[in-house]
Amino acid sequence: MKVGKFISRLLMVIVGICAVTLIYLRYDGYFLGEGYGDSMFPTMKDDVLCVFKQPKMNEVYDPFTIISFQNNEQKNNIKRIIARQGDTVTCMDEVIYKNGLIFNEPHINPTHRAMMMGIFGVYNSNFDTCTLQKDQYFVLGDNRSTSYDSRAYGPLDKSSVNGKLIAYIQKNKLFE
């Protein structure tokens, strides 16, 4: 009987700690989100649970930051920032240029890129030069062959950003 009471009390304490932690995190600007689709593959696979941090007043994110945002086309998106206000970005012959220089993308898996080029014949589709205005970002999915991103809908307004990615886990890994 004593063991049962101990376990019951321990579970109550754990639930209480979890509840307080979740309330604190939400109060501090953290929130959970979900990611679907393959536009960020292989960085993130389909069906992920994400933790985001809401932007602070006047916060400007750096390139390579993965963000959650809303646009007119889709309710919620997860993409990577490639350029921000004041930058000029373009893509010619599979190469992205930022401010006139080749943009190095260490997060792009060369094996995946080669595979997608074999399937689709292109990885980075060409896009016209875009100079970003105040409070704008240019975002791309890591899986360029299938991503619907700034190449299609143009620069993203900073006010559309919900938050930056802090952590994520594949949902199917939660209960393995």
N, C-alpha and C. Protein backbone atom coordinates (compact mmCIF):
# COMPACT_ATOMS: atom_id res chain seq x y z
N MET A 1 0.81 -1.19 0.00
CA MET A 1 0.00 0.00 0.00
C MET A 1 0.86 1.26 0.00
N LYS A 2 1.96 1.25 0.75
CA LYS A 2 2.83 2.42 0.81
C LYS A 2 3.47 2.71 -0.55
N VAL A 3 3.84 1.66 -1.28
CA VAL A 3 4.45 1.83 -2.60
C VAL A 3 3.46 2.48 -3.55
N GLY A 4 2.19 2.07 -3.50
CA GLY A 4 1.14 2.63 -4.35
C GLY A 4 0.94 4.12 -4.09
N LYS A 5 0.92 4.50 -2.80
CA LYS A 5 0.77 5.92 -2.45
C LYS A 5 1.97 6.72 -2.93
N PHE A 6 3.16 6.15 -2.75
CA PHE A 6 4.37 6.84 -3.18
C PHE A 6 4.35 7.09 -4.68
N ILE A 7 4.00 6.07 -5.46
CA ILE A 7 3.95 6.21 -6.92
C ILE A 7 2.89 7.22 -7.32
N SER A 8 1.75 7.18 -6.66
CA SER A 8 0.67 8.13 -6.95
C SER A 8 1.13 9.57 -6.69
N ARG A 9 1.78 9.79 -5.56
CA ARG A 9 2.28 11.14 -5.23
C ARG A 9 3.39 11.57 -6.18
N LEU A 10 4.26 10.64 -6.52
CA LEU A 10 5.33 10.94 -7.46
C LEU A 10 4.76 11.35 -8.82
N LEU A 11 3.76 10.64 -9.29
CA LEU A 11 3.12 11.00 -10.56
C LEU A 11 2.47 12.37 -10.48
N MET A 12 1.85 12.69 -9.36
CA MET A 12 1.24 14.01 -9.19
C MET A 12 2.29 15.11 -9.23
N VAL A 13 3.42 14.87 -8.59
CA VAL A 13 4.52 15.85 -8.60
C VAL A 13 5.05 16.03 -10.03
N ILE A 14 5.23 14.92 -10.75
CA ILE A 14 5.73 15.00 -12.12
C ILE A 14 4.76 15.75 -13.01
N VAL A 15 3.47 15.45 -12.90
CA VAL A 15 2.45 16.16 -13.69
C VAL A 15 2.46 17.64 -13.34
N GLY A 16 2.57 17.96 -12.06
CA GLY A 16 2.62 19.37 -11.64
C GLY A 16 3.83 20.09 -12.21
N ILE A 17 4.98 19.45 -12.15
CA ILE A 17 6.20 20.07 -12.69
C ILE A 17 6.04 20.28 -14.20
N CYS A 18 5.50 19.30 -14.90
CA CYS A 18 5.29 19.43 -16.35
C CYS A 18 4.33 20.57 -16.66
N ALA A 19 3.25 20.68 -15.89
CA ALA A 19 2.27 21.75 -16.11
C ALA A 19 2.90 23.13 -15.90
N VAL A 20 3.63 23.29 -14.81
CA VAL A 20 4.30 24.57 -14.53
C VAL A 20 5.31 24.90 -15.63
N THR A 21 6.06 23.90 -16.06
CA THR A 21 7.06 24.11 -17.13
C THR A 21 6.38 24.56 -18.41
N LEU A 22 5.29 23.89 -18.80
CA LEU A 22 4.58 24.28 -20.03
C LEU A 22 4.01 25.68 -19.93
N ILE A 23 3.46 26.03 -18.79
CA ILE A 23 2.93 27.39 -18.60
C ILE A 23 4.06 28.41 -18.70
N TYR A 24 5.18 28.14 -18.06
CA TYR A 24 6.32 29.05 -18.12
C TYR A 24 6.81 29.21 -19.56
N LEU A 25 6.98 28.09 -20.26
CA LEU A 25 7.48 28.16 -21.64
C LEU A 25 6.53 28.95 -22.52
N ARG A 26 5.25 28.76 -22.38
CA ARG A 26 4.27 29.49 -23.18
C ARG A 26 4.33 30.97 -22.83
N TYR A 27 4.44 31.27 -21.54
CA TYR A 27 4.53 32.66 -21.10
C TYR A 27 5.80 33.32 -21.65
N ASP A 28 6.87 32.56 -21.74
CA ASP A 28 8.14 33.09 -22.21
C ASP A 28 8.24 33.12 -23.74
N GLY A 29 7.16 32.77 -24.44
CA GLY A 29 7.14 32.90 -25.88
C GLY A 29 7.44 31.64 -26.66
N TYR A 30 7.48 30.50 -26.00
CA TYR A 30 7.70 29.24 -26.71
C TYR A 30 6.35 28.64 -27.08
N PHE A 31 6.30 27.94 -28.21
CA PHE A 31 5.07 27.25 -28.59
C PHE A 31 5.40 26.03 -29.43
N LEU A 32 4.47 25.09 -29.43
CA LEU A 32 4.63 23.87 -30.22
C LEU A 32 3.99 24.07 -31.58
N GLY A 33 4.56 23.45 -32.58
CA GLY A 33 4.01 23.48 -33.93
C GLY A 33 4.28 22.16 -34.61
N GLU A 34 3.61 21.95 -35.72
CA GLU A 34 3.80 20.72 -36.48
C GLU A 34 4.29 21.05 -37.87
N GLY A 35 5.08 20.16 -38.41
CA GLY A 35 5.56 20.31 -39.78
C GLY A 35 5.15 19.11 -40.60
N TYR A 36 4.60 19.39 -41.77
CA TYR A 36 4.18 18.33 -42.68
C TYR A 36 4.80 18.58 -44.05
N GLY A 37 4.92 17.53 -44.81
CA GLY A 37 5.45 17.66 -46.17
C GLY A 37 6.94 17.43 -46.21
N ASP A 38 7.47 17.56 -47.41
CA ASP A 38 8.89 17.24 -47.61
C ASP A 38 9.73 18.43 -48.05
N SER A 39 9.22 19.65 -47.89
CA SER A 39 9.97 20.81 -48.38
C SER A 39 11.26 21.08 -47.60
N MET A 40 11.38 20.56 -46.37
CA MET A 40 12.60 20.75 -45.59
C MET A 40 13.43 19.47 -45.51
N PHE A 41 13.05 18.44 -46.31
CA PHE A 41 13.81 17.19 -46.34
C PHE A 41 15.17 17.44 -46.96
N PRO A 42 16.26 16.86 -46.54
CA PRO A 42 16.38 15.84 -45.50
C PRO A 42 16.61 16.40 -44.09
N THR A 43 16.68 17.74 -43.94
CA THR A 43 16.87 18.32 -42.61
C THR A 43 15.76 17.86 -41.67
N MET A 44 14.52 18.01 -42.12
CA MET A 44 13.36 17.57 -41.36
C MET A 44 12.53 16.68 -42.26
N LYS A 45 12.15 15.54 -41.74
CA LYS A 45 11.29 14.64 -42.51
C LYS A 45 9.83 14.98 -42.21
N ASP A 46 8.93 14.40 -42.99
CA ASP A 46 7.50 14.64 -42.84
C ASP A 46 7.02 14.30 -41.44
N ASP A 47 6.05 15.06 -40.97
CA ASP A 47 5.35 14.80 -39.71
C ASP A 47 6.26 14.95 -38.49
N VAL A 48 6.66 16.19 -38.21
CA VAL A 48 7.52 16.49 -37.06
C VAL A 48 6.78 17.37 -36.05
N LEU A 49 7.19 17.24 -34.81
CA LEU A 49 6.71 18.10 -33.74
C LEU A 49 7.84 19.08 -33.43
N CYS A 50 7.53 20.38 -33.47
CA CYS A 50 8.56 21.42 -33.36
C CYS A 50 8.31 22.32 -32.16
N VAL A 51 9.39 22.84 -31.61
CA VAL A 51 9.32 23.88 -30.59
C VAL A 51 9.85 25.16 -31.24
N PHE A 52 9.04 26.22 -31.18
CA PHE A 52 9.42 27.52 -31.74
C PHE A 52 9.47 28.56 -30.63
N LYS A 53 10.23 29.61 -30.86
CA LYS A 53 10.28 30.76 -29.93
C LYS A 53 9.78 31.97 -30.69
N GLN A 54 8.78 32.63 -30.14
CA GLN A 54 8.23 33.81 -30.79
C GLN A 54 9.28 34.91 -30.89
N PRO A 55 9.24 35.70 -31.98
CA PRO A 55 10.23 36.77 -32.12
C PRO A 55 9.99 37.88 -31.09
N LYS A 56 11.10 38.44 -30.66
CA LYS A 56 11.02 39.59 -29.76
C LYS A 56 10.82 40.85 -30.60
N MET A 57 10.38 41.90 -29.96
CA MET A 57 10.17 43.17 -30.66
C MET A 57 11.44 43.58 -31.39
N ASN A 58 11.33 43.90 -32.64
CA ASN A 58 12.43 44.36 -33.51
C ASN A 58 13.53 43.32 -33.73
N GLU A 59 13.27 42.05 -33.41
CA GLU A 59 14.26 41.00 -33.65
C GLU A 59 14.36 40.72 -35.14
N VAL A 60 15.59 40.63 -35.63
CA VAL A 60 15.85 40.30 -37.04
C VAL A 60 16.63 39.00 -37.05
N TYR A 61 16.10 38.01 -37.76
CA TYR A 61 16.75 36.70 -37.80
C TYR A 61 17.86 36.67 -38.83
N ASP A 62 18.88 35.86 -38.53
CA ASP A 62 20.02 35.70 -39.41
C ASP A 62 19.72 34.65 -40.48
N PRO A 63 20.45 34.71 -41.61
CA PRO A 63 20.34 33.64 -42.60
C PRO A 63 20.66 32.30 -41.95
N PHE A 64 20.06 31.26 -42.47
CA PHE A 64 20.14 29.86 -42.02
C PHE A 64 19.15 29.57 -40.90
N THR A 65 18.53 30.58 -40.30
CA THR A 65 17.53 30.35 -39.26
C THR A 65 16.30 29.70 -39.89
N ILE A 66 15.79 28.65 -39.26
CA ILE A 66 14.56 28.00 -39.72
C ILE A 66 13.41 28.63 -38.94
N ILE A 67 12.38 29.07 -39.68
CA ILE A 67 11.27 29.79 -39.07
C ILE A 67 9.92 29.15 -39.42
N SER A 68 8.94 29.48 -38.60
CA SER A 68 7.54 29.16 -38.87
C SER A 68 6.87 30.47 -39.23
N PHE A 69 6.02 30.44 -40.27
CA PHE A 69 5.36 31.67 -40.69
C PHE A 69 4.05 31.36 -41.40
N GLN A 70 3.27 32.40 -41.57
CA GLN A 70 2.03 32.31 -42.34
C GLN A 70 2.15 33.20 -43.55
N ASN A 71 1.60 32.74 -44.67
CA ASN A 71 1.51 33.60 -45.85
C ASN A 71 0.12 33.45 -46.46
N ASN A 72 -0.12 34.17 -47.54
CA ASN A 72 -1.45 34.14 -48.16
C ASN A 72 -1.79 32.79 -48.78
N GLU A 73 -0.78 32.04 -49.15
CA GLU A 73 -1.00 30.80 -49.88
C GLU A 73 -1.31 29.61 -48.97
N GLN A 74 -0.61 29.51 -47.85
CA GLN A 74 -0.76 28.36 -46.96
C GLN A 74 -0.84 28.87 -45.53
N LYS A 75 -1.50 28.11 -44.68
CA LYS A 75 -1.69 28.55 -43.30
C LYS A 75 -0.39 28.60 -42.50
N ASN A 76 0.39 27.53 -42.53
CA ASN A 76 1.62 27.49 -41.74
C ASN A 76 2.74 26.86 -42.57
N ASN A 77 3.89 27.46 -42.52
CA ASN A 77 5.04 26.98 -43.28
C ASN A 77 6.27 26.92 -42.40
N ILE A 78 7.20 26.05 -42.76
CA ILE A 78 8.50 26.01 -42.10
C ILE A 78 9.54 26.05 -43.21
N LYS A 79 10.38 27.07 -43.19
CA LYS A 79 11.41 27.26 -44.22
C LYS A 79 12.66 27.85 -43.56
N ARG A 80 13.71 27.93 -44.37
CA ARG A 80 15.00 28.47 -43.91
C ARG A 80 15.20 29.86 -44.52
N ILE A 81 15.64 30.81 -43.69
CA ILE A 81 15.95 32.15 -44.19
C ILE A 81 17.27 32.09 -44.97
N ILE A 82 17.23 32.63 -46.18
CA ILE A 82 18.42 32.69 -47.03
C ILE A 82 18.98 34.12 -47.07
N ALA A 83 18.06 35.10 -47.05
CA ALA A 83 18.48 36.51 -47.12
C ALA A 83 17.49 37.35 -46.31
N ARG A 84 17.95 38.54 -45.93
CA ARG A 84 17.09 39.44 -45.16
C ARG A 84 17.23 40.86 -45.70
N GLN A 85 16.57 41.80 -45.03
CA GLN A 85 16.50 43.17 -45.52
C GLN A 85 17.87 43.70 -45.94
N GLY A 86 17.88 44.33 -47.12
CA GLY A 86 19.11 44.91 -47.66
C GLY A 86 19.90 43.96 -48.54
N ASP A 87 19.63 42.66 -48.48
CA ASP A 87 20.33 41.68 -49.30
C ASP A 87 19.70 41.59 -50.69
N THR A 88 20.53 41.21 -51.65
CA THR A 88 20.07 40.91 -53.01
C THR A 88 20.36 39.44 -53.26
N VAL A 89 19.37 38.72 -53.76
CA VAL A 89 19.51 37.28 -53.97
C VAL A 89 18.99 36.90 -55.35
N THR A 90 19.66 35.94 -55.99
CA THR A 90 19.23 35.42 -57.29
C THR A 90 19.76 34.00 -57.44
N CYS A 91 19.26 33.29 -58.42
CA CYS A 91 19.76 31.96 -58.73
C CYS A 91 19.91 31.84 -60.25
N MET A 92 21.12 31.44 -60.66
CA MET A 92 21.41 31.23 -62.08
C MET A 92 22.18 29.93 -62.23
N ASP A 93 21.73 29.09 -63.13
CA ASP A 93 22.41 27.83 -63.43
C ASP A 93 22.71 27.01 -62.17
N GLU A 94 21.69 26.84 -61.33
CA GLU A 94 21.78 26.01 -60.12
C GLU A 94 22.57 26.64 -58.98
N VAL A 95 23.04 27.86 -59.13
CA VAL A 95 23.86 28.50 -58.10
C VAL A 95 23.11 29.71 -57.54
N ILE A 96 22.98 29.75 -56.20
CA ILE A 96 22.37 30.90 -55.54
C ILE A 96 23.45 31.93 -55.24
N TYR A 97 23.15 33.17 -55.59
CA TYR A 97 24.05 34.29 -55.32
C TYR A 97 23.36 35.23 -54.34
N LYS A 98 24.12 35.63 -53.33
CA LYS A 98 23.63 36.61 -52.36
C LYS A 98 24.61 37.76 -52.33
N ASN A 99 24.12 38.94 -52.62
CA ASN A 99 24.95 40.15 -52.68
C ASN A 99 26.12 39.97 -53.63
N GLY A 100 25.87 39.27 -54.75
CA GLY A 100 26.87 39.09 -55.80
C GLY A 100 27.85 37.95 -55.58
N LEU A 101 27.78 37.29 -54.44
CA LEU A 101 28.70 36.19 -54.13
C LEU A 101 27.95 34.86 -54.08
N ILE A 102 28.65 33.79 -54.40
CA ILE A 102 28.04 32.46 -54.29
C ILE A 102 27.66 32.22 -52.84
N PHE A 103 26.42 31.80 -52.65
CA PHE A 103 25.91 31.56 -51.31
C PHE A 103 26.18 30.12 -50.92
N ASN A 104 27.07 29.93 -49.94
CA ASN A 104 27.44 28.59 -49.46
C ASN A 104 26.34 28.05 -48.55
N GLU A 105 25.88 26.84 -48.83
CA GLU A 105 24.81 26.24 -48.04
C GLU A 105 25.25 24.89 -47.47
N PRO A 106 25.97 24.90 -46.36
CA PRO A 106 26.47 23.66 -45.79
C PRO A 106 25.38 22.70 -45.32
N HIS A 107 24.16 23.21 -45.13
CA HIS A 107 23.05 22.37 -44.67
C HIS A 107 22.45 21.52 -45.80
N ILE A 108 22.80 21.81 -47.05
CA ILE A 108 22.27 21.04 -48.18
C ILE A 108 23.09 19.77 -48.36
N ASN A 109 22.41 18.64 -48.29
CA ASN A 109 23.05 17.33 -48.42
C ASN A 109 23.38 17.08 -49.89
N PRO A 110 24.68 16.93 -50.25
CA PRO A 110 25.06 16.76 -51.66
C PRO A 110 24.47 15.49 -52.29
N THR A 111 24.34 14.43 -51.52
CA THR A 111 23.76 13.19 -52.05
C THR A 111 22.29 13.39 -52.40
N HIS A 112 21.57 14.06 -51.50
CA HIS A 112 20.15 14.35 -51.76
C HIS A 112 20.01 15.28 -52.97
N ARG A 113 20.86 16.28 -53.03
CA ARG A 113 20.81 17.22 -54.16
C ARG A 113 21.01 16.47 -55.48
N ALA A 114 22.01 15.61 -55.54
CA ALA A 114 22.29 14.85 -56.77
C ALA A 114 21.11 13.94 -57.13
N MET A 115 20.50 13.31 -56.12
CA MET A 115 19.35 12.45 -56.37
C MET A 115 18.18 13.25 -56.94
N MET A 116 17.89 14.41 -56.37
CA MET A 116 16.78 15.24 -56.83
C MET A 116 17.05 15.78 -58.24
N MET A 117 18.28 16.11 -58.53
CA MET A 117 18.62 16.56 -59.89
C MET A 117 18.40 15.43 -60.88
N GLY A 118 18.70 14.19 -60.46
CA GLY A 118 18.48 13.04 -61.33
C GLY A 118 17.00 12.81 -61.60
N ILE A 119 16.16 13.06 -60.61
CA ILE A 119 14.71 12.86 -60.76
C ILE A 119 14.06 14.01 -61.51
N PHE A 120 14.32 15.25 -61.07
CA PHE A 120 13.63 16.41 -61.61
C PHE A 120 14.43 17.17 -62.67
N GLY A 121 15.73 16.88 -62.78
CA GLY A 121 16.56 17.59 -63.75
C GLY A 121 17.02 18.96 -63.27
N VAL A 122 16.54 19.37 -62.11
CA VAL A 122 16.92 20.67 -61.55
C VAL A 122 16.79 20.58 -60.03
N TYR A 123 17.62 21.32 -59.33
CA TYR A 123 17.51 21.40 -57.87
C TYR A 123 17.15 22.83 -57.47
N ASN A 124 18.01 23.76 -57.82
CA ASN A 124 17.74 25.18 -57.58
C ASN A 124 17.21 25.78 -58.87
N SER A 125 15.91 25.97 -58.96
CA SER A 125 15.38 26.60 -60.17
C SER A 125 15.76 28.07 -60.17
N ASN A 126 16.08 28.58 -61.36
CA ASN A 126 16.47 29.98 -61.50
C ASN A 126 15.34 30.89 -61.04
N PHE A 127 15.71 32.01 -60.44
CA PHE A 127 14.72 33.03 -60.12
C PHE A 127 15.35 34.40 -60.32
N ASP A 128 14.50 35.38 -60.61
CA ASP A 128 14.96 36.74 -60.87
C ASP A 128 15.60 37.34 -59.63
N THR A 129 16.46 38.31 -59.86
CA THR A 129 17.10 39.02 -58.77
C THR A 129 16.05 39.71 -57.91
N CYS A 130 16.21 39.57 -56.61
CA CYS A 130 15.28 40.15 -55.65
C CYS A 130 16.09 40.91 -54.60
N THR A 131 15.82 42.20 -54.46
CA THR A 131 16.44 43.00 -53.41
C THR A 131 15.41 43.17 -52.29
N LEU A 132 15.78 42.74 -51.11
CA LEU A 132 14.84 42.74 -50.00
C LEU A 132 14.76 44.11 -49.34
N GLN A 133 13.53 44.50 -49.10
CA GLN A 133 13.24 45.78 -48.46
C GLN A 133 13.25 45.62 -46.94
N LYS A 134 13.02 46.70 -46.25
CA LYS A 134 12.98 46.67 -44.78
C LYS A 134 11.94 45.64 -44.32
N ASP A 135 12.32 44.87 -43.33
CA ASP A 135 11.45 43.87 -42.71
C ASP A 135 11.00 42.76 -43.67
N GLN A 136 11.88 42.36 -44.59
CA GLN A 136 11.58 41.25 -45.49
C GLN A 136 12.64 40.16 -45.38
N TYR A 137 12.19 38.92 -45.62
CA TYR A 137 13.07 37.76 -45.68
C TYR A 137 12.84 37.03 -46.99
N PHE A 138 13.87 36.36 -47.48
CA PHE A 138 13.76 35.44 -48.61
C PHE A 138 13.96 34.06 -48.03
N VAL A 139 12.96 33.20 -48.15
CA VAL A 139 13.01 31.88 -47.52
C VAL A 139 12.94 30.78 -48.58
N LEU A 140 13.66 29.69 -48.33
CA LEU A 140 13.66 28.53 -49.21
C LEU A 140 13.56 27.27 -48.37
N GLY A 141 12.92 26.25 -48.92
CA GLY A 141 12.93 24.94 -48.31
C GLY A 141 14.24 24.26 -48.65
N ASP A 142 14.71 23.36 -47.82
CA ASP A 142 15.96 22.65 -48.10
C ASP A 142 15.81 21.67 -49.26
N ASN A 143 14.60 21.20 -49.50
CA ASN A 143 14.33 20.29 -50.61
C ASN A 143 13.81 21.13 -51.78
N ARG A 144 14.71 21.83 -52.44
CA ARG A 144 14.36 22.83 -53.44
C ARG A 144 13.49 22.32 -54.57
N SER A 145 13.64 21.05 -54.93
CA SER A 145 12.88 20.51 -56.07
C SER A 145 11.38 20.46 -55.79
N THR A 146 10.98 20.38 -54.53
CA THR A 146 9.56 20.26 -54.20
C THR A 146 9.04 21.38 -53.31
N SER A 147 9.88 22.31 -52.92
CA SER A 147 9.49 23.35 -51.97
C SER A 147 8.74 24.50 -52.66
N TYR A 148 7.67 24.92 -52.02
CA TYR A 148 6.92 26.10 -52.44
C TYR A 148 7.36 27.21 -51.49
N ASP A 149 8.12 28.18 -52.00
CA ASP A 149 8.78 29.15 -51.13
C ASP A 149 8.87 30.51 -51.79
N SER A 150 9.82 31.35 -51.36
CA SER A 150 9.93 32.72 -51.88
C SER A 150 10.17 32.79 -53.39
N ARG A 151 10.65 31.73 -53.98
CA ARG A 151 10.79 31.72 -55.45
C ARG A 151 9.44 31.85 -56.11
N ALA A 152 8.39 31.34 -55.46
CA ALA A 152 7.04 31.39 -56.02
C ALA A 152 6.24 32.60 -55.52
N TYR A 153 6.30 32.88 -54.21
CA TYR A 153 5.45 33.94 -53.66
C TYR A 153 6.21 35.20 -53.27
N GLY A 154 7.50 35.26 -53.54
CA GLY A 154 8.26 36.47 -53.28
C GLY A 154 8.72 36.58 -51.84
N PRO A 155 9.25 37.75 -51.49
CA PRO A 155 9.78 37.95 -50.14
C PRO A 155 8.68 37.80 -49.09
N LEU A 156 9.10 37.38 -47.92
CA LEU A 156 8.20 37.19 -46.79
C LEU A 156 8.30 38.41 -45.88
N ASP A 157 7.16 38.95 -45.50
CA ASP A 157 7.16 40.08 -44.57
C ASP A 157 7.43 39.60 -43.15
N LYS A 158 8.26 40.32 -42.46
CA LYS A 158 8.66 39.97 -41.08
C LYS A 158 7.44 39.77 -40.17
N SER A 159 6.37 40.51 -40.41
CA SER A 159 5.18 40.40 -39.56
C SER A 159 4.49 39.04 -39.70
N SER A 160 4.82 38.28 -40.74
CA SER A 160 4.23 36.95 -40.95
C SER A 160 4.92 35.86 -40.13
N VAL A 161 6.08 36.18 -39.55
CA VAL A 161 6.87 35.18 -38.84
C VAL A 161 6.25 34.89 -37.47
N ASN A 162 6.00 33.60 -37.22
CA ASN A 162 5.48 33.17 -35.91
C ASN A 162 6.60 32.94 -34.91
N GLY A 163 7.75 32.42 -35.39
CA GLY A 163 8.86 32.14 -34.49
C GLY A 163 9.97 31.38 -35.17
N LYS A 164 11.09 31.24 -34.44
CA LYS A 164 12.22 30.48 -34.98
C LYS A 164 12.26 29.10 -34.34
N LEU A 165 12.75 28.15 -35.11
CA LEU A 165 12.82 26.77 -34.65
C LEU A 165 13.89 26.64 -33.56
N ILE A 166 13.50 26.00 -32.46
CA ILE A 166 14.41 25.73 -31.35
C ILE A 166 14.81 24.26 -31.35
N ALA A 167 13.82 23.38 -31.56
CA ALA A 167 14.06 21.93 -31.55
C ALA A 167 12.93 21.24 -32.29
N TYR A 168 13.19 20.01 -32.73
CA TYR A 168 12.14 19.21 -33.36
C TYR A 168 12.43 17.73 -33.17
N ILE A 169 11.37 16.93 -33.29
CA ILE A 169 11.50 15.49 -33.22
C ILE A 169 10.47 14.87 -34.18
N GLN A 170 10.88 13.79 -34.83
CA GLN A 170 9.94 13.06 -35.68
C GLN A 170 8.89 12.44 -34.77
N LYS A 171 7.61 12.62 -35.12
CA LYS A 171 6.54 12.08 -34.28
C LYS A 171 6.64 10.57 -34.13
N ASN A 172 7.02 9.88 -35.18
CA ASN A 172 7.11 8.41 -35.10
C ASN A 172 8.25 7.95 -34.20
N LYS A 173 9.14 8.85 -33.78
CA LYS A 173 10.24 8.49 -32.87
C LYS A 173 9.85 8.68 -31.40
N LEU A 174 8.70 9.32 -31.15
CA LEU A 174 8.31 9.62 -29.77
C LEU A 174 8.09 8.38 -28.93
N PHE A 175 7.56 7.33 -29.52
CA PHE A 175 7.18 6.16 -28.74
C PHE A 175 7.93 4.91 -29.17
N GLU A 176 9.12 5.07 -29.70
CA GLU A 176 9.93 3.91 -30.08
C GLU A 176 10.59 3.30 -28.87
